[in-house]
Protein backbone atom coordinates (compact mmCIF):
# COMPACT_ATOMS: atom_id res chain seq x y z
CA UNK A 1 0.00 0.00 0.00
CA UNK A 2 1.49 3.34 -1.07
CA UNK A 3 1.64 6.03 1.58
CA UNK A 4 -0.02 9.30 0.67
CA UNK A 5 1.60 12.51 1.89
CA UNK A 6 -0.24 14.54 4.51
CA UNK A 7 -0.60 18.23 3.66
CA UNK A 8 -1.95 19.25 7.07
CA UNK A 9 0.41 20.33 9.84
CA UNK A 10 0.16 20.82 13.59
CA UNK A 11 -1.37 24.23 14.35
CA UNK A 12 -3.46 24.45 11.15
CA UNK A 13 -7.15 25.30 11.43
CA UNK A 14 -9.24 22.62 9.74
CA UNK A 15 -12.92 21.94 9.06
CA UNK A 16 -14.44 18.46 9.35
CA UNK A 17 -16.14 17.53 6.06
CA UNK A 18 -17.42 14.03 6.97
CA UNK A 19 -18.53 12.05 9.99
CA UNK A 20 -20.49 12.79 13.14
CA UNK A 21 -18.73 16.14 13.72
CA UNK A 22 -19.27 17.40 10.15
CA UNK A 23 -19.01 21.19 9.93
CA UNK A 24 -16.95 21.60 13.12
CA UNK A 25 -13.76 23.65 12.99
CA UNK A 26 -10.74 23.34 15.22
CA UNK A 27 -6.98 23.55 15.49
CA UNK A 28 -4.84 20.47 14.78
CA UNK A 29 -3.26 19.27 18.03
CA UNK A 30 -1.12 16.53 16.50
CA UNK A 31 -0.58 14.63 13.24
CA UNK A 32 -0.16 10.83 13.26
CA UNK A 33 1.61 10.32 9.93
CA UNK A 34 1.89 6.52 10.07
CA UNK A 35 -1.85 6.06 10.63
CA UNK A 36 -2.78 9.02 8.35
CA UNK A 37 -4.84 10.58 11.14
CA UNK A 38 -5.05 13.94 12.88
CA UNK A 39 -6.24 14.96 16.33
CA UNK A 40 -8.37 18.12 16.16
CA UNK A 41 -9.25 20.29 19.16
CA UNK A 42 -12.90 19.81 20.19
CA UNK A 43 -13.65 17.20 17.50
CA UNK A 44 -14.38 13.46 17.92
CA UNK A 45 -14.45 13.65 21.72
CA UNK A 46 -14.55 10.36 23.60
CA UNK A 47 -14.88 9.39 27.25
CA UNK A 48 -12.10 7.28 28.66
CA UNK A 49 -12.24 5.45 32.00
CA UNK A 50 -8.94 5.76 33.86
CA UNK A 51 -7.96 3.70 36.86
CA UNK A 52 -6.40 5.31 39.94
CA UNK A 53 -2.68 4.53 40.06
CA UNK A 54 -0.88 5.26 43.33
CA UNK A 55 2.57 6.02 41.96
CA UNK A 56 2.72 9.62 43.11
CA UNK A 57 2.25 10.91 39.56
CA UNK A 58 -1.00 12.65 40.47
CA UNK A 59 -3.30 10.36 38.47
CA UNK A 60 -6.66 10.67 40.23
CA UNK A 61 -8.49 8.42 37.78
CA UNK A 62 -12.14 8.76 36.81
CA UNK A 63 -13.85 9.47 33.51
CA UNK A 64 -11.75 11.69 31.24
CA UNK A 65 -13.03 13.35 28.05
CA UNK A 66 -10.40 13.57 25.33
CA UNK A 67 -10.08 13.91 21.54
CA UNK A 68 -9.66 10.80 19.40
CA UNK A 69 -7.89 10.81 16.01
CA UNK A 70 -9.86 11.17 12.77
CA UNK A 71 -8.72 10.30 9.26
CA UNK A 72 -6.97 13.07 7.35
CA UNK A 73 -9.36 12.63 4.38
CA UNK A 74 -12.24 13.83 6.58
CA UNK A 75 -10.74 17.30 7.17
CA UNK A 76 -9.95 20.29 4.94
CA UNK A 77 -7.72 23.27 5.60
CA UNK A 78 -9.54 26.52 6.44
CA UNK A 79 -8.37 29.64 4.63
CA UNK A 80 -10.19 32.93 5.15
CA UNK A 81 -13.93 32.22 5.25
CA UNK A 82 -13.87 28.90 3.38
CA UNK A 83 -11.92 25.70 2.89
CA UNK A 84 -9.20 25.01 0.34
CA UNK A 85 -7.03 22.23 -0.98
CA UNK A 86 -3.28 22.43 -0.48
CA UNK A 87 -0.74 22.69 -3.28
CA UNK A 88 3.01 23.20 -3.37
CA UNK A 89 5.22 25.67 -5.20
CA UNK A 90 9.02 25.82 -5.48
CA UNK A 91 10.50 29.29 -4.85
CA UNK A 92 14.04 30.45 -5.61
CA UNK A 93 15.81 31.72 -2.48
CA UNK A 94 19.32 32.94 -1.78
CA UNK A 95 21.12 31.23 1.07
CA UNK A 96 24.33 32.17 2.82
CA UNK A 97 27.13 29.73 3.63
CA UNK A 98 29.08 29.95 6.91
CA UNK A 99 32.03 31.50 5.06
CA UNK A 100 29.80 34.36 3.81
CA UNK A 101 29.32 33.34 0.17
CA UNK A 102 25.78 33.22 -1.22
CA UNK A 103 24.07 30.68 -3.45
CA UNK A 104 20.59 30.11 -4.87
CA UNK A 105 18.43 27.19 -3.82
CA UNK A 106 14.79 26.15 -4.02
CA UNK A 107 12.32 26.13 -1.13
CA UNK A 108 9.01 24.26 -1.13
CA UNK A 109 6.05 26.43 -0.07
CA UNK A 110 2.47 25.37 0.74
CA UNK A 111 -0.06 27.35 -1.30
CA UNK A 112 -3.84 27.57 -1.41
CA UNK A 113 -5.33 25.96 -4.51
CA UNK A 114 -8.25 28.39 -4.35
CA UNK A 115 -6.37 31.70 -4.18
CA UNK A 116 -2.78 30.76 -5.00
CA UNK A 117 -1.53 32.56 -1.88
CA UNK A 118 1.12 31.14 0.45
CA UNK A 119 -0.26 29.42 3.54
C-alpha atoms as a PDB file:
ATOM      1  CA  UNK A   1       0.000   0.000   0.000  1.00  0.00           C
ATOM      2  CA  UNK A   2       1.487   3.341  -1.070  1.00  0.00           C
ATOM      3  CA  UNK A   3       1.644   6.030   1.584  1.00  0.00           C
ATOM      4  CA  UNK A   4      -0.023   9.298   0.666  1.00  0.00           C
ATOM      5  CA  UNK A   5       1.599  12.510   1.891  1.00  0.00           C
ATOM      6  CA  UNK A   6      -0.241  14.544   4.508  1.00  0.00           C
ATOM      7  CA  UNK A   7      -0.595  18.232   3.657  1.00  0.00           C
ATOM      8  CA  UNK A   8      -1.947  19.248   7.068  1.00  0.00           C
ATOM      9  CA  UNK A   9       0.406  20.329   9.844  1.00  0.00           C
ATOM     10  CA  UNK A  10       0.156  20.824  13.588  1.00  0.00           C
ATOM     11  CA  UNK A  11      -1.370  24.228  14.354  1.00  0.00           C
ATOM     12  CA  UNK A  12      -3.456  24.454  11.147  1.00  0.00           C
ATOM     13  CA  UNK A  13      -7.149  25.303  11.432  1.00  0.00           C
ATOM     14  CA  UNK A  14      -9.242  22.619   9.739  1.00  0.00           C
ATOM     15  CA  UNK A  15     -12.922  21.942   9.065  1.00  0.00           C
ATOM     16  CA  UNK A  16     -14.441  18.463   9.350  1.00  0.00           C
ATOM     17  CA  UNK A  17     -16.141  17.525   6.060  1.00  0.00           C
ATOM     18  CA  UNK A  18     -17.422  14.029   6.965  1.00  0.00           C
ATOM     19  CA  UNK A  19     -18.526  12.051   9.986  1.00  0.00           C
ATOM     20  CA  UNK A  20     -20.494  12.789  13.143  1.00  0.00           C
ATOM     21  CA  UNK A  21     -18.734  16.143  13.717  1.00  0.00           C
ATOM     22  CA  UNK A  22     -19.275  17.402  10.150  1.00  0.00           C
ATOM     23  CA  UNK A  23     -19.013  21.192   9.929  1.00  0.00           C
ATOM     24  CA  UNK A  24     -16.949  21.598  13.116  1.00  0.00           C
ATOM     25  CA  UNK A  25     -13.758  23.654  12.986  1.00  0.00           C
ATOM     26  CA  UNK A  26     -10.740  23.343  15.217  1.00  0.00           C
ATOM     27  CA  UNK A  27      -6.975  23.552  15.491  1.00  0.00           C
ATOM     28  CA  UNK A  28      -4.842  20.472  14.775  1.00  0.00           C
ATOM     29  CA  UNK A  29      -3.264  19.266  18.033  1.00  0.00           C
ATOM     30  CA  UNK A  30      -1.116  16.525  16.496  1.00  0.00           C
ATOM     31  CA  UNK A  31      -0.577  14.633  13.243  1.00  0.00           C
ATOM     32  CA  UNK A  32      -0.165  10.834  13.257  1.00  0.00           C
ATOM     33  CA  UNK A  33       1.614  10.319   9.928  1.00  0.00           C
ATOM     34  CA  UNK A  34       1.892   6.516  10.067  1.00  0.00           C
ATOM     35  CA  UNK A  35      -1.853   6.057  10.632  1.00  0.00           C
ATOM     36  CA  UNK A  36      -2.783   9.017   8.347  1.00  0.00           C
ATOM     37  CA  UNK A  37      -4.845  10.581  11.137  1.00  0.00           C
ATOM     38  CA  UNK A  38      -5.049  13.941  12.876  1.00  0.00           C
ATOM     39  CA  UNK A  39      -6.239  14.955  16.335  1.00  0.00           C
ATOM     40  CA  UNK A  40      -8.372  18.123  16.165  1.00  0.00           C
ATOM     41  CA  UNK A  41      -9.251  20.287  19.161  1.00  0.00           C
ATOM     42  CA  UNK A  42     -12.900  19.809  20.190  1.00  0.00           C
ATOM     43  CA  UNK A  43     -13.653  17.201  17.502  1.00  0.00           C
ATOM     44  CA  UNK A  44     -14.378  13.457  17.919  1.00  0.00           C
ATOM     45  CA  UNK A  45     -14.450  13.654  21.718  1.00  0.00           C
ATOM     46  CA  UNK A  46     -14.552  10.362  23.599  1.00  0.00           C
ATOM     47  CA  UNK A  47     -14.880   9.394  27.248  1.00  0.00           C
ATOM     48  CA  UNK A  48     -12.099   7.276  28.665  1.00  0.00           C
ATOM     49  CA  UNK A  49     -12.242   5.448  32.003  1.00  0.00           C
ATOM     50  CA  UNK A  50      -8.938   5.758  33.862  1.00  0.00           C
ATOM     51  CA  UNK A  51      -7.963   3.704  36.864  1.00  0.00           C
ATOM     52  CA  UNK A  52      -6.401   5.307  39.939  1.00  0.00           C
ATOM     53  CA  UNK A  53      -2.685   4.527  40.063  1.00  0.00           C
ATOM     54  CA  UNK A  54      -0.876   5.257  43.331  1.00  0.00           C
ATOM     55  CA  UNK A  55       2.574   6.022  41.959  1.00  0.00           C
ATOM     56  CA  UNK A  56       2.722   9.622  43.114  1.00  0.00           C
ATOM     57  CA  UNK A  57       2.254  10.910  39.564  1.00  0.00           C
ATOM     58  CA  UNK A  58      -0.996  12.647  40.472  1.00  0.00           C
ATOM     59  CA  UNK A  59      -3.305  10.358  38.470  1.00  0.00           C
ATOM     60  CA  UNK A  60      -6.659  10.672  40.231  1.00  0.00           C
ATOM     61  CA  UNK A  61      -8.492   8.420  37.780  1.00  0.00           C
ATOM     62  CA  UNK A  62     -12.144   8.756  36.813  1.00  0.00           C
ATOM     63  CA  UNK A  63     -13.846   9.467  33.510  1.00  0.00           C
ATOM     64  CA  UNK A  64     -11.754  11.694  31.240  1.00  0.00           C
ATOM     65  CA  UNK A  65     -13.030  13.346  28.050  1.00  0.00           C
ATOM     66  CA  UNK A  66     -10.401  13.571  25.326  1.00  0.00           C
ATOM     67  CA  UNK A  67     -10.083  13.907  21.543  1.00  0.00           C
ATOM     68  CA  UNK A  68      -9.659  10.804  19.404  1.00  0.00           C
ATOM     69  CA  UNK A  69      -7.889  10.810  16.014  1.00  0.00           C
ATOM     70  CA  UNK A  70      -9.859  11.170  12.767  1.00  0.00           C
ATOM     71  CA  UNK A  71      -8.721  10.298   9.264  1.00  0.00           C
ATOM     72  CA  UNK A  72      -6.970  13.070   7.346  1.00  0.00           C
ATOM     73  CA  UNK A  73      -9.356  12.626   4.383  1.00  0.00           C
ATOM     74  CA  UNK A  74     -12.238  13.834   6.580  1.00  0.00           C
ATOM     75  CA  UNK A  75     -10.745  17.301   7.171  1.00  0.00           C
ATOM     76  CA  UNK A  76      -9.948  20.293   4.943  1.00  0.00           C
ATOM     77  CA  UNK A  77      -7.720  23.271   5.599  1.00  0.00           C
ATOM     78  CA  UNK A  78      -9.542  26.524   6.437  1.00  0.00           C
ATOM     79  CA  UNK A  79      -8.365  29.644   4.634  1.00  0.00           C
ATOM     80  CA  UNK A  80     -10.186  32.932   5.147  1.00  0.00           C
ATOM     81  CA  UNK A  81     -13.929  32.225   5.246  1.00  0.00           C
ATOM     82  CA  UNK A  82     -13.874  28.903   3.377  1.00  0.00           C
ATOM     83  CA  UNK A  83     -11.920  25.702   2.890  1.00  0.00           C
ATOM     84  CA  UNK A  84      -9.203  25.013   0.344  1.00  0.00           C
ATOM     85  CA  UNK A  85      -7.027  22.235  -0.976  1.00  0.00           C
ATOM     86  CA  UNK A  86      -3.279  22.433  -0.482  1.00  0.00           C
ATOM     87  CA  UNK A  87      -0.741  22.686  -3.281  1.00  0.00           C
ATOM     88  CA  UNK A  88       3.006  23.200  -3.366  1.00  0.00           C
ATOM     89  CA  UNK A  89       5.219  25.672  -5.202  1.00  0.00           C
ATOM     90  CA  UNK A  90       9.017  25.818  -5.482  1.00  0.00           C
ATOM     91  CA  UNK A  91      10.505  29.289  -4.848  1.00  0.00           C
ATOM     92  CA  UNK A  92      14.038  30.452  -5.608  1.00  0.00           C
ATOM     93  CA  UNK A  93      15.807  31.716  -2.483  1.00  0.00           C
ATOM     94  CA  UNK A  94      19.319  32.943  -1.779  1.00  0.00           C
ATOM     95  CA  UNK A  95      21.123  31.234   1.071  1.00  0.00           C
ATOM     96  CA  UNK A  96      24.334  32.170   2.823  1.00  0.00           C
ATOM     97  CA  UNK A  97      27.129  29.729   3.629  1.00  0.00           C
ATOM     98  CA  UNK A  98      29.077  29.952   6.912  1.00  0.00           C
ATOM     99  CA  UNK A  99      32.032  31.503   5.064  1.00  0.00           C
ATOM    100  CA  UNK A 100      29.802  34.362   3.809  1.00  0.00           C
ATOM    101  CA  UNK A 101      29.319  33.341   0.168  1.00  0.00           C
ATOM    102  CA  UNK A 102      25.779  33.219  -1.222  1.00  0.00           C
ATOM    103  CA  UNK A 103      24.072  30.676  -3.454  1.00  0.00           C
ATOM    104  CA  UNK A 104      20.589  30.110  -4.869  1.00  0.00           C
ATOM    105  CA  UNK A 105      18.425  27.186  -3.823  1.00  0.00           C
ATOM    106  CA  UNK A 106      14.791  26.155  -4.024  1.00  0.00           C
ATOM    107  CA  UNK A 107      12.325  26.127  -1.134  1.00  0.00           C
ATOM    108  CA  UNK A 108       9.006  24.260  -1.126  1.00  0.00           C
ATOM    109  CA  UNK A 109       6.046  26.425  -0.067  1.00  0.00           C
ATOM    110  CA  UNK A 110       2.467  25.375   0.742  1.00  0.00           C
ATOM    111  CA  UNK A 111      -0.059  27.350  -1.301  1.00  0.00           C
ATOM    112  CA  UNK A 112      -3.838  27.571  -1.414  1.00  0.00           C
ATOM    113  CA  UNK A 113      -5.331  25.965  -4.507  1.00  0.00           C
ATOM    114  CA  UNK A 114      -8.251  28.389  -4.355  1.00  0.00           C
ATOM    115  CA  UNK A 115      -6.374  31.703  -4.177  1.00  0.00           C
ATOM    116  CA  UNK A 116      -2.780  30.758  -4.997  1.00  0.00           C
ATOM    117  CA  UNK A 117      -1.533  32.560  -1.880  1.00  0.00           C
ATOM    118  CA  UNK A 118       1.116  31.140   0.451  1.00  0.00           C
ATOM    119  CA  UNK A 119      -0.261  29.420   3.545  1.00  0.00           C
END
